[in-house]
Amino acid sequence: MPLNNPKAVPEIRTGTYTGDNAANRAIPHGLRSQPKIIFIYCASGSYGEIIPNVGAIARCKNTTSAGQPSHKEVTNADTTNFYVGNGIDHAYSFNATALNYYWVALA
């Protein structure tokens, strides 16, 4: 009996961008479907977060250098892009001006 149900192969894409302080900035991920997990690392600011379940607003709590709580977030994701920059606090939403970001997206 032939096997007609091959197992799904996870997709992984990587990329970089430089922050521009824009709200809801689209970052093309190049996956065939919506990412399930996105990891973003800020090389300039030395912080990184794993963002699960990006179908809705996903936040990871962290602290600022002054010890204050902050949230870094991917504001949304679809089959083409994920979006960064929450419009309230760009410095803690993966899109602060002139900072370099590296990302990995898995679907």
N, C-alpha and C. Protein backbone atom coordinates (compact mmCIF):
# COMPACT_ATOMS: atom_id res chain seq x y z
N MET A 1 0.85 -1.18 0.00
CA MET A 1 0.00 0.00 0.00
C MET A 1 0.89 1.24 0.00
N PRO A 2 0.76 2.11 -1.00
CA PRO A 2 1.61 3.30 -1.08
C PRO A 2 1.25 4.32 0.01
N LEU A 3 2.23 5.03 0.40
CA LEU A 3 2.04 6.08 1.40
C LEU A 3 1.76 7.39 0.67
N ASN A 4 0.54 7.86 0.74
CA ASN A 4 0.14 9.08 0.05
C ASN A 4 0.01 10.27 0.99
N ASN A 5 0.42 10.12 2.20
CA ASN A 5 0.31 11.19 3.19
C ASN A 5 1.70 11.52 3.75
N PRO A 6 2.52 12.19 2.96
CA PRO A 6 3.85 12.51 3.48
C PRO A 6 3.75 13.46 4.67
N LYS A 7 4.69 13.34 5.57
CA LYS A 7 4.72 14.21 6.74
C LYS A 7 5.11 15.61 6.32
N ALA A 8 4.54 16.58 7.01
CA ALA A 8 4.87 17.97 6.74
C ALA A 8 6.32 18.23 7.14
N VAL A 9 6.99 18.97 6.31
CA VAL A 9 8.38 19.34 6.59
C VAL A 9 8.39 20.78 7.09
N PRO A 10 8.94 21.03 8.25
CA PRO A 10 8.97 22.41 8.75
C PRO A 10 9.80 23.30 7.84
N GLU A 11 9.35 24.51 7.71
CA GLU A 11 10.09 25.51 6.94
C GLU A 11 10.79 26.46 7.91
N ILE A 12 11.97 26.88 7.54
CA ILE A 12 12.73 27.85 8.34
C ILE A 12 13.25 28.92 7.40
N ARG A 13 13.07 30.16 7.78
CA ARG A 13 13.63 31.29 7.03
C ARG A 13 14.33 32.22 8.01
N THR A 14 15.33 32.92 7.51
CA THR A 14 16.06 33.88 8.34
C THR A 14 16.17 35.20 7.59
N GLY A 15 16.46 36.25 8.32
CA GLY A 15 16.64 37.55 7.68
C GLY A 15 17.10 38.60 8.67
N THR A 16 17.31 39.78 8.16
CA THR A 16 17.72 40.93 8.98
C THR A 16 16.95 42.16 8.53
N TYR A 17 16.88 43.14 9.40
CA TYR A 17 16.36 44.46 9.04
C TYR A 17 16.90 45.47 10.03
N THR A 18 16.89 46.72 9.64
CA THR A 18 17.30 47.82 10.51
C THR A 18 16.04 48.56 10.93
N GLY A 19 15.88 48.80 12.22
CA GLY A 19 14.69 49.46 12.73
C GLY A 19 14.52 50.86 12.18
N ASP A 20 13.24 51.25 12.00
CA ASP A 20 12.94 52.58 11.48
C ASP A 20 11.86 53.31 12.29
N ASN A 21 11.47 52.76 13.44
CA ASN A 21 10.52 53.38 14.36
C ASN A 21 9.10 53.46 13.80
N ALA A 22 8.78 52.73 12.74
CA ALA A 22 7.44 52.75 12.17
C ALA A 22 6.52 51.79 12.92
N ALA A 23 5.26 52.13 13.00
CA ALA A 23 4.26 51.24 13.59
C ALA A 23 3.82 50.22 12.56
N ASN A 24 3.63 48.98 13.00
CA ASN A 24 3.14 47.90 12.15
C ASN A 24 3.94 47.74 10.86
N ARG A 25 5.25 47.77 10.99
CA ARG A 25 6.12 47.59 9.83
C ARG A 25 6.09 46.14 9.37
N ALA A 26 5.90 45.93 8.08
CA ALA A 26 5.84 44.58 7.50
C ALA A 26 7.24 44.07 7.21
N ILE A 27 7.54 42.87 7.71
CA ILE A 27 8.81 42.19 7.43
C ILE A 27 8.46 40.93 6.64
N PRO A 28 8.80 40.85 5.35
CA PRO A 28 8.50 39.65 4.58
C PRO A 28 9.28 38.45 5.11
N HIS A 29 8.58 37.32 5.34
CA HIS A 29 9.27 36.15 5.90
C HIS A 29 9.57 35.07 4.87
N GLY A 30 8.91 35.04 3.73
CA GLY A 30 9.22 34.09 2.68
C GLY A 30 8.76 32.66 2.91
N LEU A 31 7.95 32.43 3.94
CA LEU A 31 7.41 31.09 4.21
C LEU A 31 6.16 30.86 3.37
N ARG A 32 5.80 29.60 3.17
CA ARG A 32 4.58 29.29 2.42
C ARG A 32 3.33 29.43 3.26
N SER A 33 3.48 29.54 4.56
CA SER A 33 2.34 29.70 5.46
C SER A 33 2.70 30.64 6.60
N GLN A 34 1.73 30.93 7.43
CA GLN A 34 1.96 31.82 8.57
C GLN A 34 2.96 31.19 9.52
N PRO A 35 3.93 31.96 10.01
CA PRO A 35 4.91 31.40 10.95
C PRO A 35 4.25 30.98 12.26
N LYS A 36 4.78 29.92 12.83
CA LYS A 36 4.30 29.45 14.14
C LYS A 36 5.15 30.03 15.26
N ILE A 37 6.43 30.26 14.98
CA ILE A 37 7.35 30.83 15.96
C ILE A 37 8.30 31.78 15.23
N ILE A 38 8.57 32.90 15.86
CA ILE A 38 9.56 33.85 15.34
C ILE A 38 10.53 34.15 16.47
N PHE A 39 11.82 34.07 16.17
CA PHE A 39 12.85 34.47 17.12
C PHE A 39 13.48 35.73 16.56
N ILE A 40 13.54 36.79 17.35
CA ILE A 40 14.16 38.05 16.93
C ILE A 40 15.26 38.39 17.91
N TYR A 41 16.42 38.73 17.37
CA TYR A 41 17.57 39.12 18.18
C TYR A 41 18.00 40.51 17.77
N CYS A 42 18.13 41.41 18.72
CA CYS A 42 18.60 42.76 18.43
C CYS A 42 20.10 42.80 18.70
N ALA A 43 20.89 42.82 17.62
CA ALA A 43 22.35 42.83 17.76
C ALA A 43 22.83 44.11 18.41
N SER A 44 22.15 45.21 18.16
CA SER A 44 22.57 46.49 18.70
C SER A 44 22.24 46.62 20.18
N GLY A 45 21.12 46.04 20.60
CA GLY A 45 20.68 46.20 21.97
C GLY A 45 20.91 44.98 22.84
N SER A 46 21.41 43.91 22.25
CA SER A 46 21.74 42.68 22.99
C SER A 46 20.55 42.06 23.70
N TYR A 47 19.41 42.01 23.06
CA TYR A 47 18.29 41.27 23.62
C TYR A 47 17.62 40.47 22.52
N GLY A 48 16.96 39.40 22.91
CA GLY A 48 16.25 38.57 21.96
C GLY A 48 15.04 37.95 22.62
N GLU A 49 14.07 37.58 21.83
CA GLU A 49 12.85 36.99 22.34
C GLU A 49 12.36 35.91 21.40
N ILE A 50 11.73 34.91 21.94
CA ILE A 50 11.01 33.94 21.13
C ILE A 50 9.54 34.33 21.20
N ILE A 51 8.93 34.50 20.04
CA ILE A 51 7.55 34.94 19.96
C ILE A 51 6.69 33.79 19.45
N PRO A 52 5.96 33.07 20.32
CA PRO A 52 5.11 31.98 19.85
C PRO A 52 3.72 32.47 19.48
N ASN A 53 3.00 31.67 18.74
CA ASN A 53 1.59 31.92 18.44
C ASN A 53 1.35 33.31 17.88
N VAL A 54 1.99 33.63 16.76
CA VAL A 54 1.93 34.98 16.23
C VAL A 54 0.67 35.28 15.44
N GLY A 55 -0.32 34.40 15.47
CA GLY A 55 -1.57 34.68 14.79
C GLY A 55 -2.32 35.85 15.41
N ALA A 56 -2.04 36.15 16.65
CA ALA A 56 -2.61 37.30 17.33
C ALA A 56 -1.44 38.05 17.96
N ILE A 57 -1.74 39.15 18.59
CA ILE A 57 -0.66 39.90 19.23
C ILE A 57 0.03 39.00 20.25
N ALA A 58 1.32 38.89 20.12
CA ALA A 58 2.11 38.05 21.03
C ALA A 58 3.14 38.92 21.72
N ARG A 59 3.22 38.82 23.02
CA ARG A 59 4.16 39.64 23.76
C ARG A 59 5.02 38.79 24.67
N CYS A 60 6.26 39.19 24.82
CA CYS A 60 7.15 38.54 25.78
C CYS A 60 7.63 39.60 26.74
N LYS A 61 7.38 39.39 28.01
CA LYS A 61 7.77 40.37 29.02
C LYS A 61 9.27 40.31 29.24
N ASN A 62 9.87 41.45 29.36
CA ASN A 62 11.29 41.59 29.61
C ASN A 62 11.46 42.82 30.50
N THR A 63 12.67 43.15 30.86
CA THR A 63 12.91 44.36 31.62
C THR A 63 13.89 45.25 30.87
N THR A 64 13.74 46.54 31.06
CA THR A 64 14.64 47.51 30.46
C THR A 64 15.93 47.53 31.26
N SER A 65 16.91 48.30 30.79
CA SER A 65 18.17 48.40 31.52
C SER A 65 17.97 49.03 32.89
N ALA A 66 16.90 49.80 33.06
CA ALA A 66 16.60 50.41 34.35
C ALA A 66 15.78 49.49 35.24
N GLY A 67 15.51 48.26 34.76
CA GLY A 67 14.76 47.31 35.56
C GLY A 67 13.25 47.43 35.44
N GLN A 68 12.77 48.31 34.57
CA GLN A 68 11.33 48.49 34.39
C GLN A 68 10.79 47.42 33.44
N PRO A 69 9.56 46.94 33.66
CA PRO A 69 9.00 45.95 32.74
C PRO A 69 8.71 46.56 31.38
N SER A 70 8.88 45.78 30.36
CA SER A 70 8.55 46.22 29.01
C SER A 70 8.03 45.03 28.24
N HIS A 71 7.49 45.27 27.08
CA HIS A 71 7.00 44.21 26.23
C HIS A 71 7.58 44.39 24.83
N LYS A 72 8.12 43.33 24.30
CA LYS A 72 8.56 43.33 22.92
C LYS A 72 7.54 42.50 22.18
N GLU A 73 7.13 42.93 21.01
CA GLU A 73 6.05 42.20 20.39
C GLU A 73 6.12 42.18 18.87
N VAL A 74 5.55 41.11 18.35
CA VAL A 74 5.20 41.04 16.94
C VAL A 74 3.71 41.34 16.93
N THR A 75 3.29 42.40 16.23
CA THR A 75 1.90 42.83 16.33
C THR A 75 0.95 41.94 15.55
N ASN A 76 1.45 41.24 14.54
CA ASN A 76 0.61 40.33 13.77
C ASN A 76 1.50 39.55 12.82
N ALA A 77 0.95 38.54 12.18
CA ALA A 77 1.66 37.79 11.15
C ALA A 77 0.63 37.20 10.20
N ASP A 78 1.02 37.07 8.94
CA ASP A 78 0.15 36.43 7.97
C ASP A 78 1.02 35.56 7.06
N THR A 79 0.49 35.11 5.95
CA THR A 79 1.24 34.20 5.09
C THR A 79 2.35 34.90 4.31
N THR A 80 2.43 36.20 4.37
CA THR A 80 3.46 36.96 3.64
C THR A 80 4.45 37.67 4.55
N ASN A 81 3.96 38.27 5.63
CA ASN A 81 4.78 39.13 6.50
C ASN A 81 4.52 38.84 7.97
N PHE A 82 5.48 39.29 8.80
CA PHE A 82 5.17 39.51 10.21
C PHE A 82 5.39 40.99 10.43
N TYR A 83 4.77 41.53 11.47
CA TYR A 83 4.74 42.98 11.66
C TYR A 83 5.34 43.35 13.01
N VAL A 84 6.14 44.39 13.02
CA VAL A 84 6.80 44.86 14.23
C VAL A 84 6.51 46.35 14.39
N GLY A 85 6.72 46.87 15.59
CA GLY A 85 6.48 48.28 15.88
C GLY A 85 5.07 48.50 16.36
N ASN A 86 4.89 48.62 17.68
CA ASN A 86 3.54 48.69 18.23
C ASN A 86 2.97 50.10 18.30
N GLY A 87 3.72 51.12 17.90
CA GLY A 87 3.20 52.48 17.89
C GLY A 87 3.20 53.17 19.23
N ILE A 88 3.39 52.43 20.31
CA ILE A 88 3.40 53.02 21.65
C ILE A 88 4.83 53.15 22.16
N ASP A 89 5.61 52.11 21.97
CA ASP A 89 6.98 52.11 22.48
C ASP A 89 7.88 51.35 21.50
N HIS A 90 8.31 52.05 20.46
CA HIS A 90 9.11 51.40 19.42
C HIS A 90 10.41 50.83 19.94
N ALA A 91 10.97 51.44 20.96
CA ALA A 91 12.25 50.95 21.49
C ALA A 91 12.14 49.54 22.03
N TYR A 92 10.95 49.13 22.43
CA TYR A 92 10.76 47.79 22.97
C TYR A 92 9.77 46.98 22.13
N SER A 93 9.71 47.25 20.84
CA SER A 93 8.80 46.50 19.98
C SER A 93 9.49 46.07 18.69
N PHE A 94 10.77 45.76 18.76
CA PHE A 94 11.54 45.21 17.63
C PHE A 94 11.62 46.13 16.43
N ASN A 95 11.53 47.45 16.63
CA ASN A 95 11.67 48.35 15.49
C ASN A 95 12.22 49.71 15.89
N ALA A 96 13.11 49.74 16.85
CA ALA A 96 13.71 51.01 17.27
C ALA A 96 14.66 51.52 16.18
N THR A 97 14.65 52.79 15.96
CA THR A 97 15.45 53.42 14.91
C THR A 97 16.91 53.02 14.98
N ALA A 98 17.45 52.62 13.84
CA ALA A 98 18.87 52.33 13.61
C ALA A 98 19.41 51.09 14.32
N LEU A 99 18.57 50.34 15.04
CA LEU A 99 19.04 49.10 15.64
C LEU A 99 18.95 47.98 14.61
N ASN A 100 19.89 47.06 14.67
CA ASN A 100 19.94 45.93 13.72
C ASN A 100 19.30 44.70 14.34
N TYR A 101 18.35 44.10 13.61
CA TYR A 101 17.61 42.95 14.08
C TYR A 101 17.86 41.75 13.16
N TYR A 102 17.99 40.59 13.76
CA TYR A 102 18.14 39.31 13.04
C TYR A 102 16.95 38.45 13.45
N TRP A 103 16.34 37.76 12.51
CA TRP A 103 15.19 36.94 12.84
C TRP A 103 15.25 35.56 12.18
N VAL A 104 14.54 34.64 12.83
CA VAL A 104 14.32 33.29 12.32
C VAL A 104 12.84 33.02 12.46
N ALA A 105 12.19 32.58 11.38
CA ALA A 105 10.76 32.25 11.42
C ALA A 105 10.58 30.79 11.04
N LEU A 106 9.71 30.09 11.76
CA LEU A 106 9.42 28.68 11.50
C LEU A 106 7.94 28.48 11.26
N ALA A 107 7.64 27.65 10.26
CA ALA A 107 6.24 27.31 9.97
C ALA A 107 6.14 25.81 9.78
